[in-house]
């Protein structure tokens, strides 16, 4: 096993409240910490834990492909691992959820013979369940990245929740934009209205980043989706539109098994 180690940790969604004690200890004991979080205040908070904290935020640039930025982030992190250092990547929310950089960096580090693993953080999904009072075990819950949902044919179950992440950039194939406009959302609406009535109530959700903030929970009609307000943090939550339909044949066969046992 090579000298040098990489640990990617999650800082959680809410500043100071969601990070695990283990993840915090990794940050404090690291030789160098690379940080990619939602705001400058969170960066400063990470900087208070270690003397060598380096922001990955400057790799983002308007008009530059986010994939190119991600590759550069991976390269700079791995350079320190290859130098034999104990490296931590501290990422907003959960480092394995909608986060290309931690997965890629860990995979390459392991291929090169270095120790590398991930520590979870409280994700936007976990906050969503708490803030909206949703139990995914009640009706089921389908999750898609919004652009992925538009690019590929997806099988939708309208009797379960549908969650579309990164709705603010829905339809962007260039990976250079930080928002898409009404025309893109109209195309998304065309796909959704096949499965849901236009007067169906949906939720625009944003988890809080700072303790004094309030979560965004805006209920709008599906037909008003194109003209609604979005940010990079906005998630679209579509509640069930149909009742769950019993699988009568399966229930019959299960009843027979129960009688035999």
C-alpha atoms as a PDB file:
ATOM      1  CA  UNK A   1       0.000   0.000   0.000  1.00  0.00           C
ATOM      2  CA  UNK A   2       1.316   3.432  -0.989  1.00  0.00           C
ATOM      3  CA  UNK A   3       1.938   6.230   1.492  1.00  0.00           C
ATOM      4  CA  UNK A   4      -0.732   8.920   1.309  1.00  0.00           C
ATOM      5  CA  UNK A   5      -4.426   8.657   2.058  1.00  0.00           C
ATOM      6  CA  UNK A   6      -7.669  10.240   0.866  1.00  0.00           C
ATOM      7  CA  UNK A   7     -10.859  10.570   2.893  1.00  0.00           C
ATOM      8  CA  UNK A   8     -13.880  12.363   1.442  1.00  0.00           C
ATOM      9  CA  UNK A   9     -16.249  13.539   4.171  1.00  0.00           C
ATOM     10  CA  UNK A  10     -19.666  15.169   4.182  1.00  0.00           C
ATOM     11  CA  UNK A  11     -20.159  18.418   6.074  1.00  0.00           C
ATOM     12  CA  UNK A  12     -23.948  18.042   5.986  1.00  0.00           C
ATOM     13  CA  UNK A  13     -26.444  20.632   4.807  1.00  0.00           C
ATOM     14  CA  UNK A  14     -26.686  22.969   7.813  1.00  0.00           C
ATOM     15  CA  UNK A  15     -23.535  24.726   9.002  1.00  0.00           C
ATOM     16  CA  UNK A  16     -22.101  23.149  12.150  1.00  0.00           C
ATOM     17  CA  UNK A  17     -25.120  20.964  12.846  1.00  0.00           C
ATOM     18  CA  UNK A  18     -24.840  18.025  10.472  1.00  0.00           C
ATOM     19  CA  UNK A  19     -21.200  16.958  10.422  1.00  0.00           C
ATOM     20  CA  UNK A  20     -20.323  13.745  12.248  1.00  0.00           C
ATOM     21  CA  UNK A  21     -17.673  13.706  14.997  1.00  0.00           C
ATOM     22  CA  UNK A  22     -15.615  11.253  12.928  1.00  0.00           C
ATOM     23  CA  UNK A  23     -15.651  13.487   9.834  1.00  0.00           C
ATOM     24  CA  UNK A  24     -14.649  16.469  11.944  1.00  0.00           C
ATOM     25  CA  UNK A  25     -11.737  14.524  13.382  1.00  0.00           C
ATOM     26  CA  UNK A  26     -10.533  13.600   9.895  1.00  0.00           C
ATOM     27  CA  UNK A  27     -10.551  17.302   8.953  1.00  0.00           C
ATOM     28  CA  UNK A  28      -8.678  18.310  12.102  1.00  0.00           C
ATOM     29  CA  UNK A  29      -5.975  15.659  11.668  1.00  0.00           C
ATOM     30  CA  UNK A  30      -5.420  16.030   7.908  1.00  0.00           C
ATOM     31  CA  UNK A  31      -2.219  17.367   6.351  1.00  0.00           C
ATOM     32  CA  UNK A  32      -4.300  19.239   3.791  1.00  0.00           C
ATOM     33  CA  UNK A  33      -8.063  19.750   3.410  1.00  0.00           C
ATOM     34  CA  UNK A  34      -9.767  20.523   0.124  1.00  0.00           C
ATOM     35  CA  UNK A  35     -13.196  22.045   0.601  1.00  0.00           C
ATOM     36  CA  UNK A  36     -16.208  22.447  -1.676  1.00  0.00           C
ATOM     37  CA  UNK A  37     -19.207  23.810   0.185  1.00  0.00           C
ATOM     38  CA  UNK A  38     -22.145  26.097  -0.501  1.00  0.00           C
ATOM     39  CA  UNK A  39     -20.915  29.452   0.822  1.00  0.00           C
ATOM     40  CA  UNK A  40     -17.997  31.435   2.216  1.00  0.00           C
ATOM     41  CA  UNK A  41     -19.179  31.175   5.802  1.00  0.00           C
ATOM     42  CA  UNK A  42     -19.038  27.386   5.623  1.00  0.00           C
ATOM     43  CA  UNK A  43     -15.551  27.606   4.115  1.00  0.00           C
ATOM     44  CA  UNK A  44     -14.388  29.782   7.016  1.00  0.00           C
ATOM     45  CA  UNK A  45     -15.850  27.287   9.467  1.00  0.00           C
ATOM     46  CA  UNK A  46     -13.809  24.473   7.871  1.00  0.00           C
ATOM     47  CA  UNK A  47     -10.727  26.720   7.907  1.00  0.00           C
ATOM     48  CA  UNK A  48     -11.078  27.031  11.690  1.00  0.00           C
ATOM     49  CA  UNK A  49     -10.428  23.275  12.014  1.00  0.00           C
ATOM     50  CA  UNK A  50      -7.170  22.991  10.071  1.00  0.00           C
ATOM     51  CA  UNK A  51      -4.223  25.202   9.159  1.00  0.00           C
ATOM     52  CA  UNK A  52      -4.104  24.086   5.499  1.00  0.00           C
ATOM     53  CA  UNK A  53      -7.564  24.357   3.935  1.00  0.00           C
ATOM     54  CA  UNK A  54      -7.812  24.946   0.183  1.00  0.00           C
ATOM     55  CA  UNK A  55     -11.010  25.902  -1.595  1.00  0.00           C
ATOM     56  CA  UNK A  56     -12.024  24.055  -4.771  1.00  0.00           C
ATOM     57  CA  UNK A  57     -14.527  26.789  -5.630  1.00  0.00           C
ATOM     58  CA  UNK A  58     -12.111  28.731  -7.936  1.00  0.00           C
ATOM     59  CA  UNK A  59     -12.139  25.836 -10.411  1.00  0.00           C
ATOM     60  CA  UNK A  60     -15.690  26.857 -11.361  1.00  0.00           C
ATOM     61  CA  UNK A  61     -15.921  29.542 -14.043  1.00  0.00           C
ATOM     62  CA  UNK A  62     -18.815  30.918 -16.067  1.00  0.00           C
ATOM     63  CA  UNK A  63     -18.884  29.248 -19.476  1.00  0.00           C
ATOM     64  CA  UNK A  64     -16.480  26.489 -18.399  1.00  0.00           C
ATOM     65  CA  UNK A  65     -17.706  22.901 -18.423  1.00  0.00           C
ATOM     66  CA  UNK A  66     -18.384  21.690 -14.904  1.00  0.00           C
ATOM     67  CA  UNK A  67     -16.953  18.304 -15.910  1.00  0.00           C
ATOM     68  CA  UNK A  68     -13.638  19.982 -16.742  1.00  0.00           C
ATOM     69  CA  UNK A  69     -13.721  21.737 -13.368  1.00  0.00           C
ATOM     70  CA  UNK A  70     -14.395  18.416 -11.643  1.00  0.00           C
ATOM     71  CA  UNK A  71     -11.459  16.734 -13.392  1.00  0.00           C
ATOM     72  CA  UNK A  72      -9.146  19.547 -12.287  1.00  0.00           C
ATOM     73  CA  UNK A  73     -10.386  19.196  -8.697  1.00  0.00           C
ATOM     74  CA  UNK A  74      -9.632  15.480  -8.730  1.00  0.00           C
ATOM     75  CA  UNK A  75      -6.160  16.110 -10.158  1.00  0.00           C
ATOM     76  CA  UNK A  76      -5.164  18.647  -7.511  1.00  0.00           C
ATOM     77  CA  UNK A  77      -6.438  16.451  -4.671  1.00  0.00           C
ATOM     78  CA  UNK A  78      -4.631  13.360  -5.944  1.00  0.00           C
ATOM     79  CA  UNK A  79      -1.382  15.288  -6.373  1.00  0.00           C
ATOM     80  CA  UNK A  80      -1.253  15.758  -2.602  1.00  0.00           C
ATOM     81  CA  UNK A  81      -2.139  12.108  -1.974  1.00  0.00           C
ATOM     82  CA  UNK A  82       0.664  11.068  -4.343  1.00  0.00           C
ATOM     83  CA  UNK A  83       3.006  13.310  -2.354  1.00  0.00           C
ATOM     84  CA  UNK A  84       2.380  11.053   0.620  1.00  0.00           C
ATOM     85  CA  UNK A  85       0.017  13.348   2.499  1.00  0.00           C
ATOM     86  CA  UNK A  86      -3.060  12.614   4.563  1.00  0.00           C
ATOM     87  CA  UNK A  87      -5.690  14.378   2.427  1.00  0.00           C
ATOM     88  CA  UNK A  88      -9.322  15.150   3.226  1.00  0.00           C
ATOM     89  CA  UNK A  89     -11.953  16.372   0.802  1.00  0.00           C
ATOM     90  CA  UNK A  90     -14.786  18.106   2.670  1.00  0.00           C
ATOM     91  CA  UNK A  91     -17.943  18.322   0.585  1.00  0.00           C
ATOM     92  CA  UNK A  92     -21.324  19.950   1.108  1.00  0.00           C
ATOM     93  CA  UNK A  93     -24.065  17.565   2.213  1.00  0.00           C
ATOM     94  CA  UNK A  94     -23.234  13.921   1.540  1.00  0.00           C
ATOM     95  CA  UNK A  95     -19.996  13.398  -0.447  1.00  0.00           C
ATOM     96  CA  UNK A  96     -21.528  10.534  -2.417  1.00  0.00           C
ATOM     97  CA  UNK A  97     -24.761  12.245  -3.485  1.00  0.00           C
ATOM     98  CA  UNK A  98     -24.680  14.279  -6.725  1.00  0.00           C
ATOM     99  CA  UNK A  99     -20.932  14.602  -6.265  1.00  0.00           C
ATOM    100  CA  UNK A 100     -18.727  13.361  -9.118  1.00  0.00           C
ATOM    101  CA  UNK A 101     -15.425  14.500  -7.619  1.00  0.00           C
ATOM    102  CA  UNK A 102     -15.347  12.357  -4.428  1.00  0.00           C
ATOM    103  CA  UNK A 103     -16.360   9.168  -6.251  1.00  0.00           C
ATOM    104  CA  UNK A 104     -13.796   9.699  -9.009  1.00  0.00           C
ATOM    105  CA  UNK A 105     -10.979  10.747  -6.684  1.00  0.00           C
ATOM    106  CA  UNK A 106     -11.515   7.732  -4.418  1.00  0.00           C
ATOM    107  CA  UNK A 107     -11.673   5.331  -7.378  1.00  0.00           C
ATOM    108  CA  UNK A 108      -8.419   6.621  -8.900  1.00  0.00           C
ATOM    109  CA  UNK A 109      -6.638   6.700  -5.538  1.00  0.00           C
ATOM    110  CA  UNK A 110      -7.554   3.065  -4.902  1.00  0.00           C
ATOM    111  CA  UNK A 111      -6.444   2.062  -8.412  1.00  0.00           C
ATOM    112  CA  UNK A 112      -3.062   3.650  -7.672  1.00  0.00           C
ATOM    113  CA  UNK A 113      -2.699   1.726  -4.412  1.00  0.00           C
ATOM    114  CA  UNK A 114      -3.619   4.423  -1.898  1.00  0.00           C
ATOM    115  CA  UNK A 115      -6.022   4.108   1.017  1.00  0.00           C
ATOM    116  CA  UNK A 116      -9.222   5.982   0.187  1.00  0.00           C
ATOM    117  CA  UNK A 117     -12.738   5.939   1.556  1.00  0.00           C
ATOM    118  CA  UNK A 118     -15.850   8.050   2.094  1.00  0.00           C
ATOM    119  CA  UNK A 119     -17.579   9.197   5.277  1.00  0.00           C
ATOM    120  CA  UNK A 120     -21.282  10.113   4.941  1.00  0.00           C
ATOM    121  CA  UNK A 121     -22.922  13.404   5.796  1.00  0.00           C
ATOM    122  CA  UNK A 122     -26.546  14.449   6.188  1.00  0.00           C
ATOM    123  CA  UNK A 123     -27.800  14.961   2.637  1.00  0.00           C
ATOM    124  CA  UNK A 124     -30.463  17.172   1.080  1.00  0.00           C
ATOM    125  CA  UNK A 125     -32.542  14.020   0.689  1.00  0.00           C
ATOM    126  CA  UNK A 126     -32.445  13.364   4.441  1.00  0.00           C
ATOM    127  CA  UNK A 127     -33.455  16.988   5.109  1.00  0.00           C
ATOM    128  CA  UNK A 128     -36.238  16.750   2.547  1.00  0.00           C
ATOM    129  CA  UNK A 129     -37.827  13.773   4.299  1.00  0.00           C
ATOM    130  CA  UNK A 130     -37.697  15.609   7.627  1.00  0.00           C
ATOM    131  CA  UNK A 131     -38.867  19.034   6.407  1.00  0.00           C
ATOM    132  CA  UNK A 132     -41.704  17.735   4.214  1.00  0.00           C
ATOM    133  CA  UNK A 133     -42.768  14.937   6.556  1.00  0.00           C
ATOM    134  CA  UNK A 134     -42.318  12.280   3.873  1.00  0.00           C
ATOM    135  CA  UNK A 135     -41.706   8.630   4.679  1.00  0.00           C
ATOM    136  CA  UNK A 136     -40.413   6.967   1.478  1.00  0.00           C
ATOM    137  CA  UNK A 137     -41.627   3.644   2.821  1.00  0.00           C
ATOM    138  CA  UNK A 138     -45.292   4.694   2.700  1.00  0.00           C
ATOM    139  CA  UNK A 139     -45.831   5.056  -1.064  1.00  0.00           C
ATOM    140  CA  UNK A 140     -42.332   4.639  -2.460  1.00  0.00           C
ATOM    141  CA  UNK A 141     -40.035   7.367  -3.769  1.00  0.00           C
ATOM    142  CA  UNK A 142     -38.409   7.797  -7.196  1.00  0.00           C
ATOM    143  CA  UNK A 143     -35.342  10.008  -7.587  1.00  0.00           C
ATOM    144  CA  UNK A 144     -33.842  11.398 -10.782  1.00  0.00           C
ATOM    145  CA  UNK A 145     -31.498  14.200 -11.681  1.00  0.00           C
ATOM    146  CA  UNK A 146     -33.766  16.549 -13.683  1.00  0.00           C
ATOM    147  CA  UNK A 147     -31.694  16.577 -16.884  1.00  0.00           C
ATOM    148  CA  UNK A 148     -31.245  12.811 -16.746  1.00  0.00           C
ATOM    149  CA  UNK A 149     -35.014  12.526 -16.449  1.00  0.00           C
ATOM    150  CA  UNK A 150     -35.392  14.557 -19.656  1.00  0.00           C
ATOM    151  CA  UNK A 151     -32.600  12.855 -21.632  1.00  0.00           C
ATOM    152  CA  UNK A 152     -33.693   9.267 -21.056  1.00  0.00           C
ATOM    153  CA  UNK A 153     -36.915   7.299 -21.049  1.00  0.00           C
ATOM    154  CA  UNK A 154     -37.898   6.705 -17.438  1.00  0.00           C
ATOM    155  CA  UNK A 155     -40.667   4.505 -16.094  1.00  0.00           C
ATOM    156  CA  UNK A 156     -42.766   6.659 -13.768  1.00  0.00           C
ATOM    157  CA  UNK A 157     -45.092   5.375 -11.063  1.00  0.00           C
ATOM    158  CA  UNK A 158     -47.591   8.201 -10.322  1.00  0.00           C
ATOM    159  CA  UNK A 159     -48.685   6.445  -7.118  1.00  0.00           C
ATOM    160  CA  UNK A 160     -45.236   7.122  -5.578  1.00  0.00           C
ATOM    161  CA  UNK A 161     -43.359  10.353  -4.884  1.00  0.00           C
ATOM    162  CA  UNK A 162     -41.222  11.670  -7.733  1.00  0.00           C
ATOM    163  CA  UNK A 163     -38.189  13.783  -6.767  1.00  0.00           C
ATOM    164  CA  UNK A 164     -36.272  15.688  -9.447  1.00  0.00           C
ATOM    165  CA  UNK A 165     -32.937  17.122  -8.332  1.00  0.00           C
ATOM    166  CA  UNK A 166     -31.114  20.126  -9.824  1.00  0.00           C
ATOM    167  CA  UNK A 167     -34.278  21.401 -11.463  1.00  0.00           C
ATOM    168  CA  UNK A 168     -32.681  24.816 -11.982  1.00  0.00           C
ATOM    169  CA  UNK A 169     -30.421  23.448 -14.732  1.00  0.00           C
ATOM    170  CA  UNK A 170     -32.902  20.954 -16.196  1.00  0.00           C
ATOM    171  CA  UNK A 171     -32.129  20.207 -19.828  1.00  0.00           C
ATOM    172  CA  UNK A 172     -28.549  21.523 -19.911  1.00  0.00           C
ATOM    173  CA  UNK A 173     -26.250  19.157 -21.827  1.00  0.00           C
ATOM    174  CA  UNK A 174     -23.316  21.565 -21.997  1.00  0.00           C
ATOM    175  CA  UNK A 175     -22.557  21.477 -18.244  1.00  0.00           C
ATOM    176  CA  UNK A 176     -21.569  25.140 -18.562  1.00  0.00           C
ATOM    177  CA  UNK A 177     -24.770  26.821 -17.370  1.00  0.00           C
ATOM    178  CA  UNK A 178     -25.857  27.615 -13.849  1.00  0.00           C
ATOM    179  CA  UNK A 179     -29.514  27.982 -14.857  1.00  0.00           C
ATOM    180  CA  UNK A 180     -31.853  27.165 -17.735  1.00  0.00           C
ATOM    181  CA  UNK A 181     -34.916  29.141 -18.736  1.00  0.00           C
ATOM    182  CA  UNK A 182     -38.635  28.832 -19.255  1.00  0.00           C
ATOM    183  CA  UNK A 183     -38.357  27.075 -22.620  1.00  0.00           C
ATOM    184  CA  UNK A 184     -36.451  24.194 -21.015  1.00  0.00           C
ATOM    185  CA  UNK A 185     -38.996  23.871 -18.227  1.00  0.00           C
ATOM    186  CA  UNK A 186     -41.825  23.806 -20.746  1.00  0.00           C
ATOM    187  CA  UNK A 187     -40.230  20.731 -22.287  1.00  0.00           C
ATOM    188  CA  UNK A 188     -39.948  19.176 -18.834  1.00  0.00           C
ATOM    189  CA  UNK A 189     -43.609  19.987 -18.231  1.00  0.00           C
ATOM    190  CA  UNK A 190     -44.568  18.187 -21.449  1.00  0.00           C
ATOM    191  CA  UNK A 191     -42.975  15.029 -20.074  1.00  0.00           C
ATOM    192  CA  UNK A 192     -44.558  15.366 -16.648  1.00  0.00           C
ATOM    193  CA  UNK A 193     -48.088  16.105 -17.842  1.00  0.00           C
ATOM    194  CA  UNK A 194     -48.227  12.681 -19.469  1.00  0.00           C
ATOM    195  CA  UNK A 195     -48.283  11.251 -15.945  1.00  0.00           C
ATOM    196  CA  UNK A 196     -49.783  14.058 -13.829  1.00  0.00           C
ATOM    197  CA  UNK A 197     -52.723  16.473 -14.217  1.00  0.00           C
ATOM    198  CA  UNK A 198     -51.751  20.101 -14.800  1.00  0.00           C
ATOM    199  CA  UNK A 199     -53.587  21.189 -11.638  1.00  0.00           C
ATOM    200  CA  UNK A 200     -51.622  18.711  -9.507  1.00  0.00           C
ATOM    201  CA  UNK A 201     -49.892  20.422  -6.562  1.00  0.00           C
ATOM    202  CA  UNK A 202     -46.100  20.044  -6.488  1.00  0.00           C
ATOM    203  CA  UNK A 203     -43.429  21.295  -4.089  1.00  0.00           C
ATOM    204  CA  UNK A 204     -40.317  23.390  -4.696  1.00  0.00           C
ATOM    205  CA  UNK A 205     -37.895  22.541  -1.905  1.00  0.00           C
ATOM    206  CA  UNK A 206     -34.544  23.910  -0.694  1.00  0.00           C
ATOM    207  CA  UNK A 207     -32.814  22.699   2.471  1.00  0.00           C
ATOM    208  CA  UNK A 208     -31.332  25.272   4.821  1.00  0.00           C
ATOM    209  CA  UNK A 209     -27.601  26.002   4.824  1.00  0.00           C
ATOM    210  CA  UNK A 210     -27.383  28.251   7.897  1.00  0.00           C
ATOM    211  CA  UNK A 211     -29.096  27.622  11.255  1.00  0.00           C
ATOM    212  CA  UNK A 212     -31.229  30.799  11.196  1.00  0.00           C
ATOM    213  CA  UNK A 213     -32.606  30.163   7.710  1.00  0.00           C
ATOM    214  CA  UNK A 214     -35.891  28.480   6.885  1.00  0.00           C
ATOM    215  CA  UNK A 215     -36.305  25.698   4.363  1.00  0.00           C
ATOM    216  CA  UNK A 216     -38.012  26.693   1.134  1.00  0.00           C
ATOM    217  CA  UNK A 217     -41.288  24.784   0.824  1.00  0.00           C
ATOM    218  CA  UNK A 218     -43.365  26.378  -1.949  1.00  0.00           C
ATOM    219  CA  UNK A 219     -46.446  24.610  -3.253  1.00  0.00           C
ATOM    220  CA  UNK A 220     -47.315  25.429  -6.867  1.00  0.00           C
ATOM    221  CA  UNK A 221     -49.489  23.884  -9.533  1.00  0.00           C
ATOM    222  CA  UNK A 222     -47.708  21.716 -12.055  1.00  0.00           C
ATOM    223  CA  UNK A 223     -48.834  23.982 -14.908  1.00  0.00           C
ATOM    224  CA  UNK A 224     -47.032  26.929 -13.258  1.00  0.00           C
ATOM    225  CA  UNK A 225     -43.695  25.114 -13.111  1.00  0.00           C
ATOM    226  CA  UNK A 226     -42.106  26.896 -16.130  1.00  0.00           C
ATOM    227  CA  UNK A 227     -42.604  30.361 -14.605  1.00  0.00           C
ATOM    228  CA  UNK A 228     -41.623  29.431 -11.055  1.00  0.00           C
ATOM    229  CA  UNK A 229     -38.404  30.613  -9.416  1.00  0.00           C
ATOM    230  CA  UNK A 230     -35.455  28.224  -9.247  1.00  0.00           C
ATOM    231  CA  UNK A 231     -31.882  28.167  -7.982  1.00  0.00           C
ATOM    232  CA  UNK A 232     -29.168  25.510  -8.165  1.00  0.00           C
ATOM    233  CA  UNK A 233     -30.439  24.218  -4.800  1.00  0.00           C
ATOM    234  CA  UNK A 234     -34.082  23.799  -5.841  1.00  0.00           C
ATOM    235  CA  UNK A 235     -35.568  20.313  -5.835  1.00  0.00           C
ATOM    236  CA  UNK A 236     -38.950  19.442  -7.348  1.00  0.00           C
ATOM    237  CA  UNK A 237     -41.080  17.060  -5.297  1.00  0.00           C
ATOM    238  CA  UNK A 238     -44.206  15.631  -6.943  1.00  0.00           C
ATOM    239  CA  UNK A 239     -46.572  13.870  -4.510  1.00  0.00           C
ATOM    240  CA  UNK A 240     -48.516  10.799  -5.629  1.00  0.00           C
ATOM    241  CA  UNK A 241     -51.327  11.516  -8.078  1.00  0.00           C
ATOM    242  CA  UNK A 242     -52.891   8.026  -8.029  1.00  0.00           C
ATOM    243  CA  UNK A 243     -53.756   5.487  -5.372  1.00  0.00           C
ATOM    244  CA  UNK A 244     -51.578   2.389  -5.147  1.00  0.00           C
ATOM    245  CA  UNK A 245     -53.126  -0.400  -7.206  1.00  0.00           C
ATOM    246  CA  UNK A 246     -53.211  -3.858  -5.576  1.00  0.00           C
ATOM    247  CA  UNK A 247     -51.450  -6.693  -7.382  1.00  0.00           C
ATOM    248  CA  UNK A 248     -54.362  -9.069  -6.943  1.00  0.00           C
ATOM    249  CA  UNK A 249     -52.680 -12.071  -8.523  1.00  0.00           C
ATOM    250  CA  UNK A 250     -49.660 -11.765  -6.235  1.00  0.00           C
ATOM    251  CA  UNK A 251     -51.869 -11.215  -3.173  1.00  0.00           C
ATOM    252  CA  UNK A 252     -53.808 -14.355  -4.080  1.00  0.00           C
ATOM    253  CA  UNK A 253     -50.636 -16.432  -4.388  1.00  0.00           C
ATOM    254  CA  UNK A 254     -49.286 -15.055  -1.109  1.00  0.00           C
ATOM    255  CA  UNK A 255     -52.563 -15.929   0.624  1.00  0.00           C
ATOM    256  CA  UNK A 256     -52.214 -19.494  -0.615  1.00  0.00           C
ATOM    257  CA  UNK A 257     -48.673 -19.679   0.763  1.00  0.00           C
ATOM    258  CA  UNK A 258     -49.871 -18.357   4.102  1.00  0.00           C
ATOM    259  CA  UNK A 259     -52.557 -21.043   4.253  1.00  0.00           C
ATOM    260  CA  UNK A 260     -49.948 -23.742   3.557  1.00  0.00           C
ATOM    261  CA  UNK A 261     -47.689 -22.422   6.291  1.00  0.00           C
END
